Amino acid sequence: MRLRTPPARQRRAFGLVELLVALVLFAVTTGTVALVSQAVMRAGDTSRVLEVAGITAHRDLEMAKITGWANLPLGTVQSTGARATGRWTGPIRYYDGQGVEVSASQAPQRARYRVQRFIDDDDVSVWGTTYTLQPLTIRRVRAEVRRYPENSYLFTYGTLIVRGGI
């Protein structure tokens, strides 16, 4: 008994349909790998920015403690009455990915996040549109961190500063 071999046209390795299916599968796999690697890189970048921004915000609060209760700036009156309050809103400071401060003019090219300090004073004496601190005034200092240029909120660090101590 003799084995029959198919004609040359029937012995092709791959047909056009098989080649197209293989190309589609390759494209889908490559695209998926690219998207996943992009997401992993973005997550790593966000983690690094959060770490450096956290250190910067913590440093800002430590500087406020060193400056001291009486030497921090006063703001504007927020409410009057028996327990009047005041608030100071500090300037926005811009930082690059390594935590180095960047000028406002260089921020669009180099900044990765921004930090702004707020001081809320409770139980102050109001004199017209200004106020003075009382011996029992509590000063709440916050450092708010936002991603730049998206201005998306990341986190806030805060501390209380009282007269005669931290």
C-alpha atoms as a PDB file:
ATOM      1  CA  MET A   1       0.000   0.000   0.000  1.00  0.00           C
ATOM      2  CA  ARG A   2       1.306   3.330  -1.029  1.00  0.00           C
ATOM      3  CA  LEU A   3       0.842   6.613   0.941  1.00  0.00           C
ATOM      4  CA  ARG A   4      -0.545   9.461  -0.992  1.00  0.00           C
ATOM      5  CA  THR A   5       1.122  12.845  -0.654  1.00  0.00           C
ATOM      6  CA  PRO A   6      -1.064  15.891  -1.115  1.00  0.00           C
ATOM      7  CA  PRO A   7      -0.370  18.220  -4.014  1.00  0.00           C
ATOM      8  CA  ALA A   8       2.004  21.148  -3.385  1.00  0.00           C
ATOM      9  CA  ARG A   9      -0.832  23.674  -3.037  1.00  0.00           C
ATOM     10  CA  GLN A  10      -2.378  21.762  -0.146  1.00  0.00           C
ATOM     11  CA  ARG A  11       0.915  21.462   1.796  1.00  0.00           C
ATOM     12  CA  ARG A  12       1.380  25.204   2.551  1.00  0.00           C
ATOM     13  CA  ALA A  13       2.718  25.994   6.009  1.00  0.00           C
ATOM     14  CA  PHE A  14       0.425  28.974   6.682  1.00  0.00           C
ATOM     15  CA  GLY A  15      -2.448  30.379   4.733  1.00  0.00           C
ATOM     16  CA  LEU A  16      -3.453  34.007   4.527  1.00  0.00           C
ATOM     17  CA  VAL A  17      -6.188  33.611   7.169  1.00  0.00           C
ATOM     18  CA  GLU A  18      -3.794  32.013   9.661  1.00  0.00           C
ATOM     19  CA  LEU A  19      -1.271  34.793   9.066  1.00  0.00           C
ATOM     20  CA  LEU A  20      -3.907  37.496   9.678  1.00  0.00           C
ATOM     21  CA  VAL A  21      -5.070  35.794  12.904  1.00  0.00           C
ATOM     22  CA  ALA A  22      -1.459  35.582  14.123  1.00  0.00           C
ATOM     23  CA  LEU A  23      -0.868  39.286  13.349  1.00  0.00           C
ATOM     24  CA  VAL A  24      -4.047  40.338  15.196  1.00  0.00           C
ATOM     25  CA  LEU A  25      -3.073  38.267  18.243  1.00  0.00           C
ATOM     26  CA  PHE A  26       0.424  39.760  18.188  1.00  0.00           C
ATOM     27  CA  ALA A  27      -0.956  43.332  17.967  1.00  0.00           C
ATOM     28  CA  VAL A  28      -3.434  42.789  20.827  1.00  0.00           C
ATOM     29  CA  THR A  29      -0.742  41.240  23.041  1.00  0.00           C
ATOM     30  CA  THR A  30       1.755  44.013  22.294  1.00  0.00           C
ATOM     31  CA  GLY A  31      -0.839  46.718  22.993  1.00  0.00           C
ATOM     32  CA  THR A  32      -1.847  45.119  26.292  1.00  0.00           C
ATOM     33  CA  VAL A  33       1.772  44.837  27.430  1.00  0.00           C
ATOM     34  CA  ALA A  34       2.360  48.512  26.536  1.00  0.00           C
ATOM     35  CA  LEU A  35      -0.692  49.663  28.514  1.00  0.00           C
ATOM     36  CA  VAL A  36       0.225  47.595  31.564  1.00  0.00           C
ATOM     37  CA  SER A  37       3.831  48.814  31.552  1.00  0.00           C
ATOM     38  CA  GLN A  38       2.633  52.414  31.268  1.00  0.00           C
ATOM     39  CA  ALA A  39       0.339  51.957  34.280  1.00  0.00           C
ATOM     40  CA  VAL A  40       3.182  50.411  36.315  1.00  0.00           C
ATOM     41  CA  MET A  41       5.522  53.285  35.438  1.00  0.00           C
ATOM     42  CA  ARG A  42       2.837  55.851  36.336  1.00  0.00           C
ATOM     43  CA  ALA A  43       2.229  54.146  39.692  1.00  0.00           C
ATOM     44  CA  GLY A  44       5.957  54.177  40.455  1.00  0.00           C
ATOM     45  CA  ASP A  45       6.186  57.859  39.535  1.00  0.00           C
ATOM     46  CA  THR A  46       3.191  58.707  41.749  1.00  0.00           C
ATOM     47  CA  SER A  47       4.708  56.776  44.639  1.00  0.00           C
ATOM     48  CA  ARG A  48       8.004  58.643  44.300  1.00  0.00           C
ATOM     49  CA  VAL A  49       6.270  62.040  44.103  1.00  0.00           C
ATOM     50  CA  LEU A  50       4.166  61.213  47.169  1.00  0.00           C
ATOM     51  CA  GLU A  51       7.242  60.244  49.152  1.00  0.00           C
ATOM     52  CA  VAL A  52       9.215  63.361  48.232  1.00  0.00           C
ATOM     53  CA  ALA A  53       6.162  65.624  48.672  1.00  0.00           C
ATOM     54  CA  GLY A  54       5.517  64.112  52.107  1.00  0.00           C
ATOM     55  CA  ILE A  55       9.066  64.893  53.180  1.00  0.00           C
ATOM     56  CA  THR A  56       8.691  68.456  51.852  1.00  0.00           C
ATOM     57  CA  ALA A  57       5.372  69.012  53.674  1.00  0.00           C
ATOM     58  CA  HIS A  58       6.809  67.591  56.902  1.00  0.00           C
ATOM     59  CA  ARG A  59       9.821  69.910  56.555  1.00  0.00           C
ATOM     60  CA  ASP A  60       7.432  72.868  56.110  1.00  0.00           C
ATOM     61  CA  LEU A  61       5.617  71.995  59.354  1.00  0.00           C
ATOM     62  CA  GLU A  62       8.901  71.625  61.220  1.00  0.00           C
ATOM     63  CA  MET A  63       9.905  75.096  60.011  1.00  0.00           C
ATOM     64  CA  ALA A  64       6.612  76.453  61.381  1.00  0.00           C
ATOM     65  CA  LYS A  65       7.379  74.877  64.769  1.00  0.00           C
ATOM     66  CA  ILE A  66      10.859  76.388  64.776  1.00  0.00           C
ATOM     67  CA  THR A  67       9.436  79.800  63.855  1.00  0.00           C
ATOM     68  CA  GLY A  68       7.245  79.564  66.945  1.00  0.00           C
ATOM     69  CA  TRP A  69       3.728  80.387  68.060  1.00  0.00           C
ATOM     70  CA  ALA A  70       4.192  84.157  68.318  1.00  0.00           C
ATOM     71  CA  ASN A  71       6.315  84.599  65.184  1.00  0.00           C
ATOM     72  CA  LEU A  72       4.087  82.913  62.611  1.00  0.00           C
ATOM     73  CA  PRO A  73       2.208  85.392  60.395  1.00  0.00           C
ATOM     74  CA  LEU A  74      -1.307  86.595  61.190  1.00  0.00           C
ATOM     75  CA  GLY A  75      -4.006  86.492  58.548  1.00  0.00           C
ATOM     76  CA  THR A  76      -7.470  87.956  58.186  1.00  0.00           C
ATOM     77  CA  VAL A  77     -10.493  87.674  60.467  1.00  0.00           C
ATOM     78  CA  GLN A  78     -12.735  84.741  59.528  1.00  0.00           C
ATOM     79  CA  SER A  79     -15.375  84.997  62.251  1.00  0.00           C
ATOM     80  CA  THR A  80     -16.119  87.267  65.199  1.00  0.00           C
ATOM     81  CA  GLY A  81     -17.812  86.696  68.511  1.00  0.00           C
ATOM     82  CA  ALA A  82     -16.849  84.915  71.711  1.00  0.00           C
ATOM     83  CA  ARG A  83     -14.418  82.590  69.890  1.00  0.00           C
ATOM     84  CA  ALA A  84     -13.210  84.633  66.937  1.00  0.00           C
ATOM     85  CA  THR A  85     -11.016  82.971  64.316  1.00  0.00           C
ATOM     86  CA  GLY A  86      -8.457  84.089  61.786  1.00  0.00           C
ATOM     87  CA  ARG A  87      -6.732  82.496  58.810  1.00  0.00           C
ATOM     88  CA  TRP A  88      -3.470  83.097  57.018  1.00  0.00           C
ATOM     89  CA  THR A  89      -3.027  81.672  53.519  1.00  0.00           C
ATOM     90  CA  GLY A  90       0.589  81.331  52.513  1.00  0.00           C
ATOM     91  CA  PRO A  91       2.159  81.552  49.092  1.00  0.00           C
ATOM     92  CA  ILE A  92       2.241  78.534  46.806  1.00  0.00           C
ATOM     93  CA  ARG A  93       5.688  76.946  46.571  1.00  0.00           C
ATOM     94  CA  TYR A  94       6.587  74.699  43.641  1.00  0.00           C
ATOM     95  CA  TYR A  95       8.928  71.684  43.770  1.00  0.00           C
ATOM     96  CA  ASP A  96      10.494  69.316  41.266  1.00  0.00           C
ATOM     97  CA  GLY A  97      10.473  65.519  41.583  1.00  0.00           C
ATOM     98  CA  GLN A  98      13.498  65.559  43.913  1.00  0.00           C
ATOM     99  CA  GLY A  99      12.015  68.067  46.377  1.00  0.00           C
ATOM    100  CA  VAL A 100      14.017  71.068  45.168  1.00  0.00           C
ATOM    101  CA  GLU A 101      12.067  74.334  45.205  1.00  0.00           C
ATOM    102  CA  VAL A 102      11.388  75.792  41.760  1.00  0.00           C
ATOM    103  CA  SER A 103      10.533  79.432  41.038  1.00  0.00           C
ATOM    104  CA  ALA A 104       7.013  80.229  39.851  1.00  0.00           C
ATOM    105  CA  SER A 105       8.388  81.197  36.428  1.00  0.00           C
ATOM    106  CA  GLN A 106      10.076  77.787  36.037  1.00  0.00           C
ATOM    107  CA  ALA A 107       7.122  75.825  37.452  1.00  0.00           C
ATOM    108  CA  PRO A 108       5.441  75.048  34.103  1.00  0.00           C
ATOM    109  CA  GLN A 109       8.599  73.270  32.881  1.00  0.00           C
ATOM    110  CA  ARG A 110      10.032  71.710  36.065  1.00  0.00           C
ATOM    111  CA  ALA A 111       7.504  71.497  38.919  1.00  0.00           C
ATOM    112  CA  ARG A 112       5.876  68.167  39.838  1.00  0.00           C
ATOM    113  CA  TYR A 113       3.902  69.265  42.910  1.00  0.00           C
ATOM    114  CA  ARG A 114       3.115  72.343  44.976  1.00  0.00           C
ATOM    115  CA  VAL A 115       2.833  73.010  48.707  1.00  0.00           C
ATOM    116  CA  GLN A 116       0.782  75.746  50.352  1.00  0.00           C
ATOM    117  CA  ARG A 117       0.725  76.521  54.077  1.00  0.00           C
ATOM    118  CA  PHE A 118      -2.419  77.600  55.930  1.00  0.00           C
ATOM    119  CA  ILE A 119      -2.614  78.804  59.519  1.00  0.00           C
ATOM    120  CA  ASP A 120      -5.985  78.781  61.297  1.00  0.00           C
ATOM    121  CA  ASP A 121      -6.078  80.672  64.608  1.00  0.00           C
ATOM    122  CA  ASP A 122      -8.809  79.930  67.169  1.00  0.00           C
ATOM    123  CA  ASP A 123      -9.841  82.219  70.030  1.00  0.00           C
ATOM    124  CA  VAL A 124      -8.276  85.510  68.905  1.00  0.00           C
ATOM    125  CA  SER A 125      -9.011  89.152  69.800  1.00  0.00           C
ATOM    126  CA  VAL A 126     -10.471  91.084  66.885  1.00  0.00           C
ATOM    127  CA  TRP A 127      -9.574  94.730  66.292  1.00  0.00           C
ATOM    128  CA  GLY A 128     -11.469  95.922  63.235  1.00  0.00           C
ATOM    129  CA  THR A 129     -10.238  93.839  60.314  1.00  0.00           C
ATOM    130  CA  THR A 130      -7.150  92.496  62.104  1.00  0.00           C
ATOM    131  CA  TYR A 131      -6.661  90.291  65.118  1.00  0.00           C
ATOM    132  CA  THR A 132      -4.148  89.520  67.844  1.00  0.00           C
ATOM    133  CA  LEU A 133      -3.322  86.272  69.563  1.00  0.00           C
ATOM    134  CA  GLN A 134      -4.521  85.483  73.090  1.00  0.00           C
ATOM    135  CA  PRO A 135      -2.549  83.359  75.581  1.00  0.00           C
ATOM    136  CA  LEU A 136      -4.852  80.379  74.855  1.00  0.00           C
ATOM    137  CA  THR A 137      -4.961  80.790  71.070  1.00  0.00           C
ATOM    138  CA  ILE A 138      -4.392  77.516  69.256  1.00  0.00           C
ATOM    139  CA  ARG A 139      -2.652  77.790  65.901  1.00  0.00           C
ATOM    140  CA  ARG A 140      -3.455  75.007  63.418  1.00  0.00           C
ATOM    141  CA  VAL A 141      -0.787  74.820  60.753  1.00  0.00           C
ATOM    142  CA  ARG A 142      -1.488  72.803  57.585  1.00  0.00           C
ATOM    143  CA  ALA A 143       0.671  72.072  54.571  1.00  0.00           C
ATOM    144  CA  GLU A 144      -1.520  71.133  51.607  1.00  0.00           C
ATOM    145  CA  VAL A 145       0.145  69.221  48.773  1.00  0.00           C
ATOM    146  CA  ARG A 146      -1.215  69.142  45.224  1.00  0.00           C
ATOM    147  CA  ARG A 147       0.151  67.608  42.028  1.00  0.00           C
ATOM    148  CA  TYR A 148       1.290  70.194  39.486  1.00  0.00           C
ATOM    149  CA  PRO A 149       0.143  71.189  36.875  1.00  0.00           C
ATOM    150  CA  GLU A 150      -3.044  69.089  37.265  1.00  0.00           C
ATOM    151  CA  ASN A 151      -3.755  70.732  40.662  1.00  0.00           C
ATOM    152  CA  SER A 152      -5.123  67.405  41.918  1.00  0.00           C
ATOM    153  CA  TYR A 153      -5.191  67.068  45.700  1.00  0.00           C
ATOM    154  CA  LEU A 154      -2.656  64.611  47.146  1.00  0.00           C
ATOM    155  CA  PHE A 155      -2.728  65.071  50.944  1.00  0.00           C
ATOM    156  CA  THR A 156      -2.511  67.503  53.872  1.00  0.00           C
ATOM    157  CA  TYR A 157      -0.146  67.364  56.839  1.00  0.00           C
ATOM    158  CA  GLY A 158      -0.974  69.397  59.921  1.00  0.00           C
ATOM    159  CA  THR A 159       0.064  70.218  63.456  1.00  0.00           C
ATOM    160  CA  LEU A 160      -1.114  72.327  66.400  1.00  0.00           C
ATOM    161  CA  ILE A 161       1.113  74.995  67.894  1.00  0.00           C
ATOM    162  CA  VAL A 162       0.313  76.519  71.284  1.00  0.00           C
ATOM    163  CA  ARG A 163       1.989  79.246  73.292  1.00  0.00           C
ATOM    164  CA  GLY A 164       5.011  77.999  75.190  1.00  0.00           C
ATOM    165  CA  GLY A 165       5.292  74.699  73.368  1.00  0.00           C
ATOM    166  CA  ILE A 166       4.578  72.572  70.394  1.00  0.00           C
END
